[in-house]
Amino acid sequence: MSWLDDSKVGDKWTALKASCDGAAGKVPATEFAEAALTIISVFDLISGMGVASGDMKGNADTVKSHGQKAAAGATLQDLIEAEIAGKDAKAIGKIVGDGKTISCALLWLIRALKFIEVMIANLDENRTMKMKDCVYKGYEGSLKPYHGMIIRGTFSVAVNAAPTREAFISKLAASEDEAFTKIKALMPVFSAILKDLDTFLKAKGIEK
């Protein structure tokens, strides 16, 4: 098994970046959701991450649904702008708190994708770090600040079910060198799109 090849995650995010460049930096909603679902599948390789993965996929599916209902090629920025148009901060807060809105789904999806970003960065930059520590660093740098004590505790227990670093990397690619070569090609593209969307959500008062 080679997740990096079989999932075609690199191709998905490279194609998405090209689409963004062709749309003046705006991100096609359906294409983004599909790319997100692809990279979220990395949690299928990590025992104990089923609940977290399910939440992430649910938000990606909500974003995808909004994109499919809109005009062909609709961008995340356009859909968010339409959803919050004419709303004050209080009204936007209610929209963000509604799990059926694209504003809410995208907010939590970006936070979750940061989880993956930080986890993979630690895996790459700290070659002696245990996998469970990489997973926890990812959680700590993304979703943890937004979770209550019960969820944090549940997550801490789940992290201990993570595979060894060696076992995880063996599922990514045929060799460690191949895995990190492909990761280094993927992550700048992935991170750039996340950064732009995070900046957009903050500018609109959706992310604080």
Protein backbone atom coordinates (compact mmCIF):
# COMPACT_ATOMS: atom_id res chain seq x y z
CA MET A 1 0.00 0.00 0.00
CA SER A 2 1.21 3.49 -0.84
CA TRP A 3 -1.24 6.12 0.36
CA LEU A 4 0.56 9.00 -1.35
CA ASP A 5 0.25 7.27 -4.73
CA ASP A 6 -3.06 5.47 -4.31
CA SER A 7 -4.96 8.50 -2.98
CA LYS A 8 -3.51 10.79 -5.66
CA VAL A 9 -3.45 13.46 -2.96
CA GLY A 10 -0.58 15.35 -4.59
CA ASP A 11 -2.36 15.50 -7.95
CA LYS A 12 -5.60 16.69 -6.31
CA TRP A 13 -3.98 19.62 -4.49
CA THR A 14 -1.75 20.59 -7.41
CA ALA A 15 -4.81 20.70 -9.69
CA LEU A 16 -6.71 22.72 -7.09
CA LYS A 17 -3.88 25.25 -6.87
CA ALA A 18 -3.92 25.60 -10.65
CA SER A 19 -7.67 26.22 -10.53
CA CYS A 20 -7.19 28.87 -7.84
CA ASP A 21 -4.53 30.59 -9.93
CA GLY A 22 -6.95 30.58 -12.86
CA ALA A 23 -9.70 32.10 -10.70
CA ALA A 24 -7.70 35.06 -9.39
CA GLY A 25 -6.91 33.23 -6.15
CA LYS A 26 -10.47 32.16 -5.38
CA VAL A 27 -10.97 28.50 -4.47
CA PRO A 28 -13.49 26.34 -6.38
CA ALA A 29 -15.77 24.89 -3.69
CA THR A 30 -16.42 21.39 -5.03
CA GLU A 31 -12.81 20.86 -6.08
CA PHE A 32 -11.61 22.01 -2.66
CA ALA A 33 -13.96 19.64 -0.84
CA GLU A 34 -12.78 16.71 -2.96
CA ALA A 35 -9.12 17.56 -2.32
CA ALA A 36 -9.88 17.89 1.40
CA LEU A 37 -11.54 14.48 1.52
CA THR A 38 -8.48 13.01 -0.14
CA ILE A 39 -6.01 14.36 2.38
CA ILE A 40 -8.33 13.61 5.32
CA SER A 41 -8.09 9.95 4.32
CA VAL A 42 -4.60 9.95 5.86
CA PHE A 43 -6.40 9.42 9.17
CA ASP A 44 -7.55 6.03 7.89
CA LEU A 45 -3.93 5.01 8.47
CA ILE A 46 -3.99 6.07 12.14
CA SER A 47 -5.85 3.95 14.67
CA GLY A 48 -7.99 5.95 17.09
CA MET A 49 -8.71 8.80 14.66
CA GLY A 50 -12.07 7.50 13.46
CA VAL A 51 -14.20 10.07 15.29
CA ALA A 52 -11.99 13.00 14.30
CA SER A 53 -11.88 11.79 10.71
CA GLY A 54 -15.66 11.40 10.63
CA ASP A 55 -16.17 15.00 11.76
CA MET A 56 -13.72 16.26 9.15
CA LYS A 57 -15.36 14.29 6.36
CA GLY A 58 -18.77 15.55 7.45
CA ASN A 59 -17.66 19.16 7.11
CA ALA A 60 -16.01 18.47 3.74
CA ASP A 61 -19.23 16.83 2.53
CA THR A 62 -21.23 19.90 3.64
CA VAL A 63 -18.89 22.19 1.70
CA LYS A 64 -19.15 19.90 -1.32
CA SER A 65 -22.95 19.89 -1.13
CA HIS A 66 -23.07 23.69 -1.11
CA GLY A 67 -20.70 23.78 -4.06
CA GLN A 68 -22.76 21.31 -6.07
CA LYS A 69 -25.98 23.23 -5.45
CA ALA A 70 -24.43 26.47 -6.66
CA ALA A 71 -23.51 27.49 -10.20
CA ALA A 72 -20.77 25.49 -11.85
CA GLY A 73 -17.34 26.61 -10.69
CA ALA A 74 -18.68 28.45 -7.63
CA THR A 75 -15.87 29.45 -5.30
CA LEU A 76 -15.71 29.24 -1.52
CA GLN A 77 -15.27 32.98 -1.31
CA ASP A 78 -18.36 33.67 -3.41
CA LEU A 79 -20.51 31.23 -1.42
CA ILE A 80 -19.40 32.68 1.91
CA GLU A 81 -19.93 36.25 0.70
CA ALA A 82 -23.46 35.37 -0.40
CA GLU A 83 -24.26 33.65 2.89
CA ILE A 84 -23.18 36.54 5.11
CA ALA A 85 -24.15 39.44 2.82
CA GLY A 86 -25.80 42.27 4.76
CA LYS A 87 -25.35 40.50 8.12
CA ASP A 88 -23.92 42.16 11.22
CA ALA A 89 -21.45 40.46 13.57
CA LYS A 90 -24.21 38.93 15.71
CA ALA A 91 -26.01 37.46 12.71
CA ILE A 92 -22.74 36.13 11.30
CA GLY A 93 -22.09 34.48 14.66
CA LYS A 94 -25.40 32.62 14.37
CA ILE A 95 -24.56 31.50 10.84
CA VAL A 96 -21.16 30.25 11.97
CA GLY A 97 -22.82 28.30 14.76
CA ASP A 98 -25.16 26.51 12.37
CA GLY A 99 -23.60 23.23 11.25
CA LYS A 100 -25.57 23.27 8.00
CA THR A 101 -24.03 26.49 6.68
CA ILE A 102 -20.96 26.63 4.49
CA SER A 103 -19.47 29.27 6.81
CA CYS A 104 -19.56 26.84 9.74
CA ALA A 105 -18.43 23.82 7.72
CA LEU A 106 -15.51 25.64 6.11
CA LEU A 107 -14.38 27.16 9.42
CA TRP A 108 -14.14 23.74 11.10
CA LEU A 109 -12.73 22.08 8.00
CA ILE A 110 -9.86 24.59 7.79
CA ARG A 111 -9.11 24.05 11.49
CA ALA A 112 -9.07 20.30 10.90
CA LEU A 113 -6.84 20.57 7.85
CA LYS A 114 -4.40 22.58 9.98
CA PHE A 115 -4.30 19.50 12.22
CA ILE A 116 -2.96 17.50 9.28
CA GLU A 117 -0.61 20.30 8.28
CA VAL A 118 1.01 20.51 11.73
CA MET A 119 1.10 16.73 12.18
CA ILE A 120 2.89 16.19 8.86
CA ALA A 121 5.26 19.11 9.50
CA ASN A 122 6.36 17.53 12.78
CA LEU A 123 6.71 14.14 11.13
CA ASP A 124 8.98 15.67 8.50
CA GLU A 125 10.97 18.13 10.61
CA ASN A 126 11.45 15.98 13.71
CA ARG A 127 12.61 12.65 12.35
CA THR A 128 12.89 11.05 15.81
CA MET A 129 9.45 12.15 17.06
CA LYS A 130 7.02 9.32 17.80
CA MET A 131 3.90 9.19 15.68
CA LYS A 132 1.56 9.69 18.62
CA ASP A 133 3.48 12.85 19.50
CA CYS A 134 3.18 14.11 15.91
CA VAL A 135 -0.57 13.48 16.07
CA TYR A 136 -0.89 15.27 19.40
CA LYS A 137 1.17 18.23 18.16
CA GLY A 138 -1.20 18.45 15.20
CA TYR A 139 -4.22 18.47 17.50
CA GLU A 140 -2.63 20.93 19.91
CA GLY A 141 -1.87 23.36 17.09
CA SER A 142 -5.32 23.26 15.54
CA LEU A 143 -8.50 21.94 17.17
CA LYS A 144 -7.56 21.73 20.84
CA PRO A 145 -8.16 25.44 21.66
CA TYR A 146 -11.76 25.07 20.45
CA HIS A 147 -12.60 21.88 22.35
CA GLY A 148 -13.90 21.46 25.88
CA MET A 149 -12.19 19.35 28.53
CA ILE A 150 -14.21 16.20 27.82
CA ILE A 151 -13.35 16.14 24.12
CA ARG A 152 -9.73 16.98 24.88
CA GLY A 153 -9.56 14.05 27.28
CA THR A 154 -11.16 11.69 24.79
CA PHE A 155 -8.69 12.76 22.17
CA SER A 156 -5.70 12.29 24.48
CA VAL A 157 -6.77 8.68 25.01
CA ALA A 158 -7.29 8.12 21.26
CA VAL A 159 -3.80 9.41 20.44
CA ASN A 160 -2.26 6.51 22.32
CA ALA A 161 -3.70 4.14 19.71
CA ALA A 162 -1.56 5.72 16.97
CA PRO A 163 0.79 3.35 15.13
CA THR A 164 4.55 3.57 15.36
CA ARG A 165 6.26 6.14 13.22
CA GLU A 166 7.80 3.39 11.09
CA ALA A 167 4.47 1.63 10.55
CA PHE A 168 2.77 4.87 9.52
CA ILE A 169 5.48 5.91 7.07
CA SER A 170 5.46 2.43 5.51
CA LYS A 171 1.82 3.06 4.55
CA LEU A 172 2.62 6.42 2.99
CA ALA A 173 5.10 5.14 0.42
CA ALA A 174 7.46 2.32 -0.46
CA SER A 175 10.35 3.97 1.37
CA GLU A 176 10.93 6.79 3.85
CA ASP A 177 12.89 8.79 1.28
CA GLU A 178 10.05 8.51 -1.24
CA ALA A 179 7.49 9.47 1.41
CA PHE A 180 9.28 12.64 2.42
CA THR A 181 10.13 13.63 -1.14
CA LYS A 182 6.44 13.55 -2.03
CA ILE A 183 5.41 15.22 1.23
CA LYS A 184 7.81 18.09 0.57
CA ALA A 185 6.22 18.58 -2.86
CA LEU A 186 2.67 18.47 -1.49
CA MET A 187 2.82 20.55 1.68
CA PRO A 188 3.73 24.00 0.25
CA VAL A 189 0.73 23.83 -2.11
CA PHE A 190 -1.59 22.56 0.64
CA SER A 191 -0.36 25.14 3.16
CA ALA A 192 -0.65 28.06 0.75
CA ILE A 193 -4.32 27.34 0.08
CA LEU A 194 -5.07 26.92 3.79
CA LYS A 195 -3.33 30.19 4.61
CA ASP A 196 -5.31 32.12 2.01
CA LEU A 197 -8.62 30.68 3.23
CA ASP A 198 -7.77 31.31 6.87
CA THR A 199 -6.96 34.93 6.03
CA PHE A 200 -10.27 35.24 4.20
CA LEU A 201 -12.29 33.78 7.08
CA LYS A 202 -10.63 36.15 9.54
CA ALA A 203 -11.30 39.13 7.28
CA LYS A 204 -15.00 38.18 7.22
CA GLY A 205 -15.22 37.75 10.99
CA ILE A 206 -15.83 34.01 10.71
CA GLU A 207 -12.54 32.93 12.23
CA LYS A 208 -11.25 34.94 15.18
